[in-house]
């Protein structure tokens, strides 16, 4: 899957998928065949970090 390049849009897409379809970031990445670190790094640029206890980037 091609993910949005814009970090704000990526944030929205990833958090929606985590909320609606996946119990964890690991499951999302495995299912969508995407690199977890790439998402984490891109969202860190806009000061968001994954919070596993709530399964969202905040």
Protein backbone atom coordinates (compact mmCIF):
# COMPACT_ATOMS: atom_id res chain seq x y z
CA UNK A 1 0.00 0.00 0.00
CA UNK A 2 1.21 3.48 -0.80
CA UNK A 3 1.03 5.61 2.29
CA UNK A 4 0.61 9.38 2.17
CA UNK A 5 3.85 11.37 2.12
CA UNK A 6 2.32 14.22 4.12
CA UNK A 7 2.92 13.40 7.81
CA UNK A 8 -0.36 14.93 9.00
CA UNK A 9 -2.38 12.86 6.54
CA UNK A 10 -0.29 9.79 7.36
CA UNK A 11 -1.09 10.32 11.04
CA UNK A 12 -4.80 10.36 10.31
CA UNK A 13 -4.65 7.26 8.11
CA UNK A 14 -2.55 5.24 10.55
CA UNK A 15 -4.55 6.19 13.65
CA UNK A 16 -7.82 5.40 11.87
CA UNK A 17 -6.55 1.99 10.80
CA UNK A 18 -5.24 1.29 14.32
CA UNK A 19 -8.55 2.30 15.85
CA UNK A 20 -10.78 0.42 13.41
CA UNK A 21 -8.85 -2.62 12.22
CA UNK A 22 -5.61 -3.48 14.04
CA UNK A 23 -4.86 -4.28 17.69
CA UNK A 24 -1.27 -3.02 17.41
CA UNK A 25 1.17 -1.17 15.19
CA UNK A 26 3.04 -4.44 14.64
CA UNK A 27 -0.12 -6.10 13.30
CA UNK A 28 -0.87 -3.14 11.02
CA UNK A 29 2.66 -3.16 9.59
CA UNK A 30 2.69 -6.92 9.12
CA UNK A 31 -0.70 -6.95 7.42
CA UNK A 32 0.03 -3.98 5.17
CA UNK A 33 3.67 -5.02 4.49
CA UNK A 34 5.08 -1.67 5.58
CA UNK A 35 8.12 -0.81 7.69
CA UNK A 36 7.27 0.07 11.26
CA UNK A 37 10.37 2.22 11.73
CA UNK A 38 9.56 4.29 8.64
CA UNK A 39 6.16 5.21 10.09
CA UNK A 40 7.61 5.92 13.53
CA UNK A 41 10.35 8.14 12.08
CA UNK A 42 8.02 10.07 9.80
CA UNK A 43 5.51 10.78 12.57
CA UNK A 44 8.29 11.67 15.02
CA UNK A 45 9.12 14.58 12.70
CA UNK A 46 5.79 16.14 13.67
CA UNK A 47 6.25 15.21 17.34
CA UNK A 48 4.00 12.16 17.45
CA UNK A 49 4.95 8.87 19.09
CA UNK A 50 3.21 5.52 19.20
CA UNK A 51 1.53 4.74 22.52
CA UNK A 52 0.91 0.97 22.65
CA UNK A 53 -1.34 1.19 25.72
CA UNK A 54 -3.90 3.14 23.69
CA UNK A 55 -2.83 1.86 20.24
CA UNK A 56 -2.52 5.37 18.77
CA UNK A 57 0.07 7.94 17.81
CA UNK A 58 -0.20 10.98 20.07
